[in-house]
């Protein structure tokens, strides 16, 4: 039976384990629940870039940031489907579509549902991240065939206010509840390296692991400090600008132990990680990555680099699974 009654002391104790013992335990649990040496490949496409009214301190797409990024309109459906077909041809088993919105507007819902249906018809999993959802919007996306909805908690409840002020932690939890009630699977994680303490990393993973159901996907991002964003300007020239590699691997390992059935995904920041650090993350239980040259607006390792790393490590791309569906209450 999967635990969801973890205490903060339990999570803290995992972080405090000797590093090799922690990684060994994470790999043991990983092999019990997942096939060894398989990694899911996902592709992320920005279907609506820039101009978001939220003030997330890490985000180059925030209207509050001074990154020079221009707000764009929602992409044409055919262009999105063309990108999805290319992603599938390159081995991706999941196609994720992200829009820089506080929440989707009703006028865009038909186009969004058409995108979902078109990607799903290609035989790959569908995911969207569009900001907050109402119960009705969640139900419409689910009825349209959306498999996963991404909505991150980002950090601990205690550190959250230092990163974002325009949306509350509870509002994020409410959207996750709407997604679950509509029958979609949840993709929910956060960002490491935003000036938080280890205790905040404890609180972040504790929040995820004590949700009513564990997220089916848990993206673990390393902050990419972008000039012109609040955190990018604040942390770019400080020792906090890059999370310690061992601490990042610890975070991945603890996530794997707490949420044994979840797909733990290496997301933003991977392009600056060494091959050795990525290998340690896979050893610690990470089994999903975003592939391609770009993640929304920041760089990514690229399919060629990923193929070379997989060959070196003896990893293989996970075959596209039957898209996950969750029974609505």
C-alpha atoms as a PDB file:
ATOM      1  CA  UNK A   1       0.000   0.000   0.000  1.00  0.00           C
ATOM      2  CA  UNK A   2       1.359   3.435  -0.935  1.00  0.00           C
ATOM      3  CA  UNK A   3       1.845   5.749   2.031  1.00  0.00           C
ATOM      4  CA  UNK A   4       0.420   9.249   2.083  1.00  0.00           C
ATOM      5  CA  UNK A   5       0.729   9.788   5.842  1.00  0.00           C
ATOM      6  CA  UNK A   6       4.373  10.868   5.870  1.00  0.00           C
ATOM      7  CA  UNK A   7       5.441  13.236   8.641  1.00  0.00           C
ATOM      8  CA  UNK A   8       7.936  16.019   8.123  1.00  0.00           C
ATOM      9  CA  UNK A   9      10.271  14.225  10.503  1.00  0.00           C
ATOM     10  CA  UNK A  10      10.155  11.193   8.170  1.00  0.00           C
ATOM     11  CA  UNK A  11      11.112  13.322   5.170  1.00  0.00           C
ATOM     12  CA  UNK A  12      13.826  15.119   7.126  1.00  0.00           C
ATOM     13  CA  UNK A  13      15.296  11.787   8.210  1.00  0.00           C
ATOM     14  CA  UNK A  14      15.539  10.673   4.571  1.00  0.00           C
ATOM     15  CA  UNK A  15      17.404  13.842   3.608  1.00  0.00           C
ATOM     16  CA  UNK A  16      19.798  13.244   6.517  1.00  0.00           C
ATOM     17  CA  UNK A  17      20.704   9.683   5.457  1.00  0.00           C
ATOM     18  CA  UNK A  18      24.258   9.002   4.251  1.00  0.00           C
ATOM     19  CA  UNK A  19      24.194   9.808   0.554  1.00  0.00           C
ATOM     20  CA  UNK A  20      25.125   6.334  -0.709  1.00  0.00           C
ATOM     21  CA  UNK A  21      22.578   4.661   1.579  1.00  0.00           C
ATOM     22  CA  UNK A  22      19.869   7.039   0.389  1.00  0.00           C
ATOM     23  CA  UNK A  23      20.585   6.472  -3.314  1.00  0.00           C
ATOM     24  CA  UNK A  24      20.803   2.700  -2.776  1.00  0.00           C
ATOM     25  CA  UNK A  25      17.380   2.676  -1.087  1.00  0.00           C
ATOM     26  CA  UNK A  26      15.879   4.860  -3.800  1.00  0.00           C
ATOM     27  CA  UNK A  27      17.176   2.549  -6.530  1.00  0.00           C
ATOM     28  CA  UNK A  28      15.892  -0.506  -4.653  1.00  0.00           C
ATOM     29  CA  UNK A  29      12.404   0.987  -4.470  1.00  0.00           C
ATOM     30  CA  UNK A  30      12.620   2.155  -8.068  1.00  0.00           C
ATOM     31  CA  UNK A  31      13.399  -1.332  -9.377  1.00  0.00           C
ATOM     32  CA  UNK A  32      10.551  -2.783  -7.345  1.00  0.00           C
ATOM     33  CA  UNK A  33       8.023  -0.433  -8.975  1.00  0.00           C
ATOM     34  CA  UNK A  34       9.514   0.377 -12.404  1.00  0.00           C
ATOM     35  CA  UNK A  35      11.515  -1.329 -15.109  1.00  0.00           C
ATOM     36  CA  UNK A  36      15.247  -0.786 -14.767  1.00  0.00           C
ATOM     37  CA  UNK A  37      17.141   1.305 -17.329  1.00  0.00           C
ATOM     38  CA  UNK A  38      13.991   2.718 -18.941  1.00  0.00           C
ATOM     39  CA  UNK A  39      13.352   6.444 -19.157  1.00  0.00           C
ATOM     40  CA  UNK A  40      10.215   8.120 -20.439  1.00  0.00           C
ATOM     41  CA  UNK A  41      10.770  10.754 -23.116  1.00  0.00           C
ATOM     42  CA  UNK A  42       8.401  13.718 -23.126  1.00  0.00           C
ATOM     43  CA  UNK A  43       8.290  16.847 -25.262  1.00  0.00           C
ATOM     44  CA  UNK A  44       7.138  20.246 -24.010  1.00  0.00           C
ATOM     45  CA  UNK A  45       5.785  22.899 -26.366  1.00  0.00           C
ATOM     46  CA  UNK A  46       4.849  26.478 -25.490  1.00  0.00           C
ATOM     47  CA  UNK A  47       1.498  26.941 -27.234  1.00  0.00           C
ATOM     48  CA  UNK A  48       1.055  30.479 -25.889  1.00  0.00           C
ATOM     49  CA  UNK A  49       4.195  32.366 -24.890  1.00  0.00           C
ATOM     50  CA  UNK A  50       4.672  35.458 -22.701  1.00  0.00           C
ATOM     51  CA  UNK A  51       2.446  38.074 -21.116  1.00  0.00           C
ATOM     52  CA  UNK A  52       1.362  36.064 -18.059  1.00  0.00           C
ATOM     53  CA  UNK A  53      -0.049  38.364 -15.336  1.00  0.00           C
ATOM     54  CA  UNK A  54       1.389  36.209 -12.522  1.00  0.00           C
ATOM     55  CA  UNK A  55       4.565  37.426 -10.782  1.00  0.00           C
ATOM     56  CA  UNK A  56       6.380  34.083 -10.387  1.00  0.00           C
ATOM     57  CA  UNK A  57       9.931  35.186  -9.604  1.00  0.00           C
ATOM     58  CA  UNK A  58      11.565  32.474 -11.725  1.00  0.00           C
ATOM     59  CA  UNK A  59       9.529  32.907 -14.905  1.00  0.00           C
ATOM     60  CA  UNK A  60      10.687  34.726 -18.025  1.00  0.00           C
ATOM     61  CA  UNK A  61       7.097  34.703 -19.311  1.00  0.00           C
ATOM     62  CA  UNK A  62       5.754  36.844 -16.475  1.00  0.00           C
ATOM     63  CA  UNK A  63       4.546  40.294 -17.506  1.00  0.00           C
ATOM     64  CA  UNK A  64       6.397  41.530 -14.404  1.00  0.00           C
ATOM     65  CA  UNK A  65       9.755  40.283 -15.737  1.00  0.00           C
ATOM     66  CA  UNK A  66      12.070  42.457 -17.802  1.00  0.00           C
ATOM     67  CA  UNK A  67      13.319  39.790 -20.199  1.00  0.00           C
ATOM     68  CA  UNK A  68      12.202  41.369 -23.455  1.00  0.00           C
ATOM     69  CA  UNK A  69       9.977  38.369 -24.193  1.00  0.00           C
ATOM     70  CA  UNK A  70       7.007  39.433 -26.294  1.00  0.00           C
ATOM     71  CA  UNK A  71       3.513  38.171 -25.563  1.00  0.00           C
ATOM     72  CA  UNK A  72       2.203  35.938 -28.327  1.00  0.00           C
ATOM     73  CA  UNK A  73      -1.214  34.576 -29.250  1.00  0.00           C
ATOM     74  CA  UNK A  74      -2.314  30.973 -28.857  1.00  0.00           C
ATOM     75  CA  UNK A  75      -0.732  28.797 -31.541  1.00  0.00           C
ATOM     76  CA  UNK A  76      -2.761  27.511 -34.444  1.00  0.00           C
ATOM     77  CA  UNK A  77      -4.073  23.989 -33.905  1.00  0.00           C
ATOM     78  CA  UNK A  78      -2.396  22.624 -37.042  1.00  0.00           C
ATOM     79  CA  UNK A  79       1.004  23.974 -35.944  1.00  0.00           C
ATOM     80  CA  UNK A  80       0.632  22.277 -32.572  1.00  0.00           C
ATOM     81  CA  UNK A  81      -0.286  18.961 -34.185  1.00  0.00           C
ATOM     82  CA  UNK A  82       2.685  19.223 -36.546  1.00  0.00           C
ATOM     83  CA  UNK A  83       4.998  19.675 -33.530  1.00  0.00           C
ATOM     84  CA  UNK A  84       3.365  16.709 -31.794  1.00  0.00           C
ATOM     85  CA  UNK A  85       3.896  14.475 -34.821  1.00  0.00           C
ATOM     86  CA  UNK A  86       7.566  15.458 -34.892  1.00  0.00           C
ATOM     87  CA  UNK A  87       7.885  14.735 -31.172  1.00  0.00           C
ATOM     88  CA  UNK A  88       6.380  11.274 -31.637  1.00  0.00           C
ATOM     89  CA  UNK A  89       8.743  10.585 -34.545  1.00  0.00           C
ATOM     90  CA  UNK A  90      11.645  11.459 -32.241  1.00  0.00           C
ATOM     91  CA  UNK A  91      10.515   8.917 -29.649  1.00  0.00           C
ATOM     92  CA  UNK A  92       8.434  10.972 -27.232  1.00  0.00           C
ATOM     93  CA  UNK A  93       5.672   9.078 -25.468  1.00  0.00           C
ATOM     94  CA  UNK A  94       4.041  12.169 -23.991  1.00  0.00           C
ATOM     95  CA  UNK A  95       3.374  15.583 -25.516  1.00  0.00           C
ATOM     96  CA  UNK A  96       2.956  18.468 -23.089  1.00  0.00           C
ATOM     97  CA  UNK A  97       1.429  21.800 -24.085  1.00  0.00           C
ATOM     98  CA  UNK A  98       2.006  24.884 -21.948  1.00  0.00           C
ATOM     99  CA  UNK A  99       0.352  28.299 -22.064  1.00  0.00           C
ATOM    100  CA  UNK A 100       1.479  31.415 -20.173  1.00  0.00           C
ATOM    101  CA  UNK A 101      -1.875  32.207 -18.586  1.00  0.00           C
ATOM    102  CA  UNK A 102      -3.228  32.756 -15.091  1.00  0.00           C
ATOM    103  CA  UNK A 103      -6.089  30.573 -16.307  1.00  0.00           C
ATOM    104  CA  UNK A 104      -7.532  29.715 -19.736  1.00  0.00           C
ATOM    105  CA  UNK A 105     -10.301  31.900 -21.110  1.00  0.00           C
ATOM    106  CA  UNK A 106     -13.531  30.317 -22.255  1.00  0.00           C
ATOM    107  CA  UNK A 107     -12.946  31.510 -25.822  1.00  0.00           C
ATOM    108  CA  UNK A 108      -9.848  29.291 -26.043  1.00  0.00           C
ATOM    109  CA  UNK A 109     -11.353  26.091 -24.642  1.00  0.00           C
ATOM    110  CA  UNK A 110     -12.622  24.717 -27.966  1.00  0.00           C
ATOM    111  CA  UNK A 111      -9.181  25.123 -29.590  1.00  0.00           C
ATOM    112  CA  UNK A 112      -7.479  23.520 -26.580  1.00  0.00           C
ATOM    113  CA  UNK A 113      -9.802  20.519 -26.682  1.00  0.00           C
ATOM    114  CA  UNK A 114      -9.195  20.171 -30.430  1.00  0.00           C
ATOM    115  CA  UNK A 115      -5.428  20.115 -29.786  1.00  0.00           C
ATOM    116  CA  UNK A 116      -5.870  17.409 -27.165  1.00  0.00           C
ATOM    117  CA  UNK A 117      -8.005  15.260 -29.459  1.00  0.00           C
ATOM    118  CA  UNK A 118      -5.544  15.618 -32.323  1.00  0.00           C
ATOM    119  CA  UNK A 119      -2.492  14.690 -30.260  1.00  0.00           C
ATOM    120  CA  UNK A 120      -4.310  11.812 -28.588  1.00  0.00           C
ATOM    121  CA  UNK A 121      -5.251  10.413 -32.000  1.00  0.00           C
ATOM    122  CA  UNK A 122      -1.512  10.011 -32.677  1.00  0.00           C
ATOM    123  CA  UNK A 123      -1.319   7.418 -29.894  1.00  0.00           C
ATOM    124  CA  UNK A 124       0.758   9.355 -27.372  1.00  0.00           C
ATOM    125  CA  UNK A 125      -0.107  10.684 -23.923  1.00  0.00           C
ATOM    126  CA  UNK A 126      -1.398  14.236 -23.692  1.00  0.00           C
ATOM    127  CA  UNK A 127      -0.567  16.808 -21.027  1.00  0.00           C
ATOM    128  CA  UNK A 128      -1.360  20.500 -20.610  1.00  0.00           C
ATOM    129  CA  UNK A 129      -0.346  23.255 -18.221  1.00  0.00           C
ATOM    130  CA  UNK A 130      -2.578  26.300 -18.560  1.00  0.00           C
ATOM    131  CA  UNK A 131      -2.643  27.801 -15.061  1.00  0.00           C
ATOM    132  CA  UNK A 132      -5.600  27.505 -12.730  1.00  0.00           C
ATOM    133  CA  UNK A 133      -8.711  25.599 -13.797  1.00  0.00           C
ATOM    134  CA  UNK A 134     -12.338  25.806 -12.766  1.00  0.00           C
ATOM    135  CA  UNK A 135     -14.163  22.505 -12.194  1.00  0.00           C
ATOM    136  CA  UNK A 136     -16.013  22.980 -15.503  1.00  0.00           C
ATOM    137  CA  UNK A 137     -12.788  23.614 -17.450  1.00  0.00           C
ATOM    138  CA  UNK A 138     -11.187  20.514 -15.923  1.00  0.00           C
ATOM    139  CA  UNK A 139     -14.208  18.436 -16.914  1.00  0.00           C
ATOM    140  CA  UNK A 140     -14.128  19.766 -20.481  1.00  0.00           C
ATOM    141  CA  UNK A 141     -10.439  18.955 -20.899  1.00  0.00           C
ATOM    142  CA  UNK A 142     -10.970  15.493 -19.448  1.00  0.00           C
ATOM    143  CA  UNK A 143     -13.927  14.886 -21.757  1.00  0.00           C
ATOM    144  CA  UNK A 144     -11.726  15.961 -24.652  1.00  0.00           C
ATOM    145  CA  UNK A 145      -9.275  13.195 -23.755  1.00  0.00           C
ATOM    146  CA  UNK A 146      -6.558  15.020 -21.785  1.00  0.00           C
ATOM    147  CA  UNK A 147      -4.548  12.448 -19.844  1.00  0.00           C
ATOM    148  CA  UNK A 148      -2.408  14.630 -17.568  1.00  0.00           C
ATOM    149  CA  UNK A 149      -2.644  18.140 -16.200  1.00  0.00           C
ATOM    150  CA  UNK A 150       0.474  19.860 -14.862  1.00  0.00           C
ATOM    151  CA  UNK A 151       0.155  22.342 -12.018  1.00  0.00           C
ATOM    152  CA  UNK A 152       3.217  22.660  -9.797  1.00  0.00           C
ATOM    153  CA  UNK A 153       3.367  23.545  -6.115  1.00  0.00           C
ATOM    154  CA  UNK A 154       6.825  25.003  -6.857  1.00  0.00           C
ATOM    155  CA  UNK A 155       8.238  24.986  -3.301  1.00  0.00           C
ATOM    156  CA  UNK A 156       7.289  24.598   0.347  1.00  0.00           C
ATOM    157  CA  UNK A 157       4.249  26.418   1.759  1.00  0.00           C
ATOM    158  CA  UNK A 158       6.621  28.467   3.924  1.00  0.00           C
ATOM    159  CA  UNK A 159       8.890  29.625   1.081  1.00  0.00           C
ATOM    160  CA  UNK A 160       6.115  30.117  -1.469  1.00  0.00           C
ATOM    161  CA  UNK A 161       5.416  33.763  -0.599  1.00  0.00           C
ATOM    162  CA  UNK A 162       9.036  34.693  -1.351  1.00  0.00           C
ATOM    163  CA  UNK A 163       8.562  33.447  -4.922  1.00  0.00           C
ATOM    164  CA  UNK A 164       4.957  34.271  -5.896  1.00  0.00           C
ATOM    165  CA  UNK A 165       2.379  36.746  -4.561  1.00  0.00           C
ATOM    166  CA  UNK A 166      -0.354  36.712  -7.230  1.00  0.00           C
ATOM    167  CA  UNK A 167      -1.609  33.169  -6.610  1.00  0.00           C
ATOM    168  CA  UNK A 168      -1.911  31.394  -3.279  1.00  0.00           C
ATOM    169  CA  UNK A 169      -0.744  27.910  -2.378  1.00  0.00           C
ATOM    170  CA  UNK A 170      -4.354  26.974  -1.669  1.00  0.00           C
ATOM    171  CA  UNK A 171      -5.392  28.047  -5.168  1.00  0.00           C
ATOM    172  CA  UNK A 172      -2.834  25.613  -6.553  1.00  0.00           C
ATOM    173  CA  UNK A 173      -4.204  22.847  -4.349  1.00  0.00           C
ATOM    174  CA  UNK A 174      -7.735  23.708  -5.474  1.00  0.00           C
ATOM    175  CA  UNK A 175      -6.772  23.273  -9.148  1.00  0.00           C
ATOM    176  CA  UNK A 176      -5.210  19.882  -8.359  1.00  0.00           C
ATOM    177  CA  UNK A 177      -8.467  18.889  -6.680  1.00  0.00           C
ATOM    178  CA  UNK A 178     -10.473  19.920  -9.755  1.00  0.00           C
ATOM    179  CA  UNK A 179      -8.121  17.899 -11.994  1.00  0.00           C
ATOM    180  CA  UNK A 180      -8.524  14.803  -9.819  1.00  0.00           C
ATOM    181  CA  UNK A 181     -12.296  15.169  -9.621  1.00  0.00           C
ATOM    182  CA  UNK A 182     -12.475  15.328 -13.431  1.00  0.00           C
ATOM    183  CA  UNK A 183     -10.600  12.025 -13.719  1.00  0.00           C
ATOM    184  CA  UNK A 184      -7.288  13.267 -15.125  1.00  0.00           C
ATOM    185  CA  UNK A 185      -3.869  12.233 -13.870  1.00  0.00           C
ATOM    186  CA  UNK A 186      -1.808  14.855 -12.045  1.00  0.00           C
ATOM    187  CA  UNK A 187       1.653  16.136 -12.960  1.00  0.00           C
ATOM    188  CA  UNK A 188       2.922  18.206 -10.026  1.00  0.00           C
ATOM    189  CA  UNK A 189       6.396  19.108  -8.796  1.00  0.00           C
ATOM    190  CA  UNK A 190       8.517  22.175  -8.284  1.00  0.00           C
ATOM    191  CA  UNK A 191      11.805  24.008  -8.572  1.00  0.00           C
ATOM    192  CA  UNK A 192      14.968  23.507  -6.539  1.00  0.00           C
ATOM    193  CA  UNK A 193      17.544  26.264  -6.107  1.00  0.00           C
ATOM    194  CA  UNK A 194      15.297  29.304  -5.565  1.00  0.00           C
ATOM    195  CA  UNK A 195      17.170  30.357  -2.440  1.00  0.00           C
ATOM    196  CA  UNK A 196      15.251  27.909  -0.289  1.00  0.00           C
ATOM    197  CA  UNK A 197      16.695  25.993   2.656  1.00  0.00           C
ATOM    198  CA  UNK A 198      16.843  22.223   2.973  1.00  0.00           C
ATOM    199  CA  UNK A 199      13.911  22.511   5.361  1.00  0.00           C
ATOM    200  CA  UNK A 200      11.957  24.065   2.479  1.00  0.00           C
ATOM    201  CA  UNK A 201      12.886  21.112   0.282  1.00  0.00           C
ATOM    202  CA  UNK A 202      11.616  18.862   3.071  1.00  0.00           C
ATOM    203  CA  UNK A 203       8.368  20.852   3.174  1.00  0.00           C
ATOM    204  CA  UNK A 204       7.983  20.800  -0.607  1.00  0.00           C
ATOM    205  CA  UNK A 205       8.279  17.014  -0.907  1.00  0.00           C
ATOM    206  CA  UNK A 206       6.151  16.511   2.202  1.00  0.00           C
ATOM    207  CA  UNK A 207       3.384  18.596   0.560  1.00  0.00           C
ATOM    208  CA  UNK A 208       3.516  16.417  -2.570  1.00  0.00           C
ATOM    209  CA  UNK A 209       3.706  13.100  -0.734  1.00  0.00           C
ATOM    210  CA  UNK A 210       0.726  13.894   1.514  1.00  0.00           C
ATOM    211  CA  UNK A 211      -1.690  14.930  -1.229  1.00  0.00           C
ATOM    212  CA  UNK A 212      -4.850  12.757  -1.247  1.00  0.00           C
ATOM    213  CA  UNK A 213      -3.171  10.807  -4.068  1.00  0.00           C
ATOM    214  CA  UNK A 214       0.432  11.022  -5.194  1.00  0.00           C
ATOM    215  CA  UNK A 215       0.971  12.836  -8.505  1.00  0.00           C
ATOM    216  CA  UNK A 216       1.448  10.369 -11.338  1.00  0.00           C
ATOM    217  CA  UNK A 217       4.300  12.578 -12.575  1.00  0.00           C
ATOM    218  CA  UNK A 218       6.647  14.620 -10.370  1.00  0.00           C
ATOM    219  CA  UNK A 219       8.849  17.073 -12.305  1.00  0.00           C
ATOM    220  CA  UNK A 220      11.921  18.194 -10.354  1.00  0.00           C
ATOM    221  CA  UNK A 221      13.353  21.377 -11.870  1.00  0.00           C
ATOM    222  CA  UNK A 222      16.635  23.109 -11.100  1.00  0.00           C
ATOM    223  CA  UNK A 223      16.272  26.872 -11.302  1.00  0.00           C
ATOM    224  CA  UNK A 224      17.573  28.403 -14.515  1.00  0.00           C
ATOM    225  CA  UNK A 225      18.371  31.992 -13.452  1.00  0.00           C
ATOM    226  CA  UNK A 226      17.084  34.171 -16.300  1.00  0.00           C
ATOM    227  CA  UNK A 227      18.273  37.769 -16.396  1.00  0.00           C
ATOM    228  CA  UNK A 228      15.339  40.112 -15.972  1.00  0.00           C
ATOM    229  CA  UNK A 229      13.392  37.836 -13.647  1.00  0.00           C
ATOM    230  CA  UNK A 230      13.302  38.542  -9.911  1.00  0.00           C
ATOM    231  CA  UNK A 231      15.141  35.369  -8.947  1.00  0.00           C
ATOM    232  CA  UNK A 232      17.437  35.473 -11.946  1.00  0.00           C
ATOM    233  CA  UNK A 233      18.681  38.947 -11.013  1.00  0.00           C
ATOM    234  CA  UNK A 234      18.803  38.131  -7.315  1.00  0.00           C
ATOM    235  CA  UNK A 235      20.674  34.829  -7.537  1.00  0.00           C
ATOM    236  CA  UNK A 236      22.711  35.021 -10.742  1.00  0.00           C
ATOM    237  CA  UNK A 237      25.895  36.254  -9.079  1.00  0.00           C
ATOM    238  CA  UNK A 238      25.556  34.533  -5.700  1.00  0.00           C
ATOM    239  CA  UNK A 239      26.581  31.090  -4.412  1.00  0.00           C
ATOM    240  CA  UNK A 240      22.877  30.181  -4.450  1.00  0.00           C
ATOM    241  CA  UNK A 241      22.710  30.522  -8.227  1.00  0.00           C
ATOM    242  CA  UNK A 242      23.115  26.782  -8.765  1.00  0.00           C
ATOM    243  CA  UNK A 243      21.884  24.082  -6.444  1.00  0.00           C
ATOM    244  CA  UNK A 244      24.596  21.725  -5.244  1.00  0.00           C
ATOM    245  CA  UNK A 245      24.577  18.617  -7.431  1.00  0.00           C
ATOM    246  CA  UNK A 246      24.591  16.177  -4.524  1.00  0.00           C
ATOM    247  CA  UNK A 247      21.729  18.031  -2.838  1.00  0.00           C
ATOM    248  CA  UNK A 248      19.757  17.904  -6.083  1.00  0.00           C
ATOM    249  CA  UNK A 249      20.304  14.143  -6.359  1.00  0.00           C
ATOM    250  CA  UNK A 250      19.252  13.802  -2.712  1.00  0.00           C
ATOM    251  CA  UNK A 251      16.006  15.573  -3.551  1.00  0.00           C
ATOM    252  CA  UNK A 252      15.353  13.190  -6.455  1.00  0.00           C
ATOM    253  CA  UNK A 253      16.085  10.167  -4.259  1.00  0.00           C
ATOM    254  CA  UNK A 254      13.773  11.332  -1.480  1.00  0.00           C
ATOM    255  CA  UNK A 255      11.015  11.995  -4.039  1.00  0.00           C
ATOM    256  CA  UNK A 256      11.404   8.448  -5.365  1.00  0.00           C
ATOM    257  CA  UNK A 257      11.181   6.917  -1.873  1.00  0.00           C
ATOM    258  CA  UNK A 258       8.179   9.004  -0.836  1.00  0.00           C
ATOM    259  CA  UNK A 259       6.272   8.500  -4.101  1.00  0.00           C
ATOM    260  CA  UNK A 260       7.343   5.073  -5.379  1.00  0.00           C
ATOM    261  CA  UNK A 261       4.774   4.751  -8.177  1.00  0.00           C
ATOM    262  CA  UNK A 262       5.259   8.236  -9.636  1.00  0.00           C
ATOM    263  CA  UNK A 263       7.281   9.093 -12.696  1.00  0.00           C
ATOM    264  CA  UNK A 264      10.045  11.379 -11.384  1.00  0.00           C
ATOM    265  CA  UNK A 265      11.094  13.732 -14.172  1.00  0.00           C
ATOM    266  CA  UNK A 266      14.298  15.704 -14.618  1.00  0.00           C
ATOM    267  CA  UNK A 267      13.029  18.944 -16.096  1.00  0.00           C
ATOM    268  CA  UNK A 268      14.454  22.466 -16.360  1.00  0.00           C
ATOM    269  CA  UNK A 269      18.131  22.894 -15.515  1.00  0.00           C
ATOM    270  CA  UNK A 270      19.192  19.554 -16.942  1.00  0.00           C
ATOM    271  CA  UNK A 271      21.020  21.227 -19.810  1.00  0.00           C
ATOM    272  CA  UNK A 272      23.630  22.550 -17.360  1.00  0.00           C
ATOM    273  CA  UNK A 273      24.073  19.249 -15.495  1.00  0.00           C
ATOM    274  CA  UNK A 274      27.071  17.058 -16.172  1.00  0.00           C
ATOM    275  CA  UNK A 275      26.546  13.559 -17.512  1.00  0.00           C
ATOM    276  CA  UNK A 276      27.692  12.234 -14.141  1.00  0.00           C
ATOM    277  CA  UNK A 277      25.047  14.239 -12.273  1.00  0.00           C
ATOM    278  CA  UNK A 278      22.334  13.059 -14.637  1.00  0.00           C
ATOM    279  CA  UNK A 279      23.524   9.476 -14.212  1.00  0.00           C
ATOM    280  CA  UNK A 280      23.269   9.857 -10.422  1.00  0.00           C
ATOM    281  CA  UNK A 281      19.733  11.199 -10.816  1.00  0.00           C
ATOM    282  CA  UNK A 282      18.746   8.124 -12.833  1.00  0.00           C
ATOM    283  CA  UNK A 283      20.377   5.940 -10.182  1.00  0.00           C
ATOM    284  CA  UNK A 284      18.354   7.817  -7.562  1.00  0.00           C
ATOM    285  CA  UNK A 285      15.103   6.917  -9.308  1.00  0.00           C
ATOM    286  CA  UNK A 286      14.471   9.572 -11.959  1.00  0.00           C
ATOM    287  CA  UNK A 287      12.837   7.864 -14.930  1.00  0.00           C
ATOM    288  CA  UNK A 288      11.497  10.645 -17.117  1.00  0.00           C
ATOM    289  CA  UNK A 289      13.011  13.590 -18.979  1.00  0.00           C
ATOM    290  CA  UNK A 290      11.958  16.346 -21.321  1.00  0.00           C
ATOM    291  CA  UNK A 291      13.812  15.923 -24.577  1.00  0.00           C
ATOM    292  CA  UNK A 292      14.348  18.422 -27.390  1.00  0.00           C
ATOM    293  CA  UNK A 293      16.232  21.703 -27.662  1.00  0.00           C
ATOM    294  CA  UNK A 294      13.826  23.905 -25.715  1.00  0.00           C
ATOM    295  CA  UNK A 295      11.599  23.885 -22.623  1.00  0.00           C
ATOM    296  CA  UNK A 296       9.004  26.622 -23.123  1.00  0.00           C
ATOM    297  CA  UNK A 297      11.522  29.504 -23.330  1.00  0.00           C
ATOM    298  CA  UNK A 298      14.716  28.056 -21.799  1.00  0.00           C
ATOM    299  CA  UNK A 299      17.284  25.773 -23.388  1.00  0.00           C
ATOM    300  CA  UNK A 300      17.337  22.000 -23.041  1.00  0.00           C
ATOM    301  CA  UNK A 301      19.941  19.316 -23.630  1.00  0.00           C
ATOM    302  CA  UNK A 302      18.635  18.323 -27.078  1.00  0.00           C
ATOM    303  CA  UNK A 303      17.669  14.948 -28.548  1.00  0.00           C
ATOM    304  CA  UNK A 304      21.157  14.253 -29.910  1.00  0.00           C
ATOM    305  CA  UNK A 305      22.836  14.785 -26.548  1.00  0.00           C
ATOM    306  CA  UNK A 306      20.200  12.648 -24.850  1.00  0.00           C
ATOM    307  CA  UNK A 307      20.688   9.797 -27.328  1.00  0.00           C
ATOM    308  CA  UNK A 308      24.438   9.882 -26.739  1.00  0.00           C
ATOM    309  CA  UNK A 309      23.969   9.864 -22.965  1.00  0.00           C
ATOM    310  CA  UNK A 310      21.472   6.999 -23.127  1.00  0.00           C
ATOM    311  CA  UNK A 311      23.931   5.009 -25.236  1.00  0.00           C
ATOM    312  CA  UNK A 312      26.737   5.674 -22.770  1.00  0.00           C
ATOM    313  CA  UNK A 313      24.607   4.661 -19.760  1.00  0.00           C
ATOM    314  CA  UNK A 314      22.815   1.739 -21.403  1.00  0.00           C
ATOM    315  CA  UNK A 315      19.403   3.406 -20.996  1.00  0.00           C
ATOM    316  CA  UNK A 316      16.500   2.974 -23.382  1.00  0.00           C
ATOM    317  CA  UNK A 317      13.451   5.087 -24.129  1.00  0.00           C
ATOM    318  CA  UNK A 318      10.284   3.834 -22.520  1.00  0.00           C
ATOM    319  CA  UNK A 319       7.672   2.728 -25.007  1.00  0.00           C
ATOM    320  CA  UNK A 320       4.546   4.869 -25.041  1.00  0.00           C
ATOM    321  CA  UNK A 321       2.181   3.424 -22.479  1.00  0.00           C
ATOM    322  CA  UNK A 322      -1.576   3.294 -22.631  1.00  0.00           C
ATOM    323  CA  UNK A 323      -2.473   6.812 -21.459  1.00  0.00           C
ATOM    324  CA  UNK A 324      -3.251   6.924 -17.749  1.00  0.00           C
ATOM    325  CA  UNK A 325      -6.806   7.679 -16.716  1.00  0.00           C
ATOM    326  CA  UNK A 326      -8.054   8.210 -13.193  1.00  0.00           C
ATOM    327  CA  UNK A 327     -11.490   7.180 -12.072  1.00  0.00           C
ATOM    328  CA  UNK A 328     -13.449  10.246 -11.014  1.00  0.00           C
ATOM    329  CA  UNK A 329     -14.988  10.193  -7.551  1.00  0.00           C
END
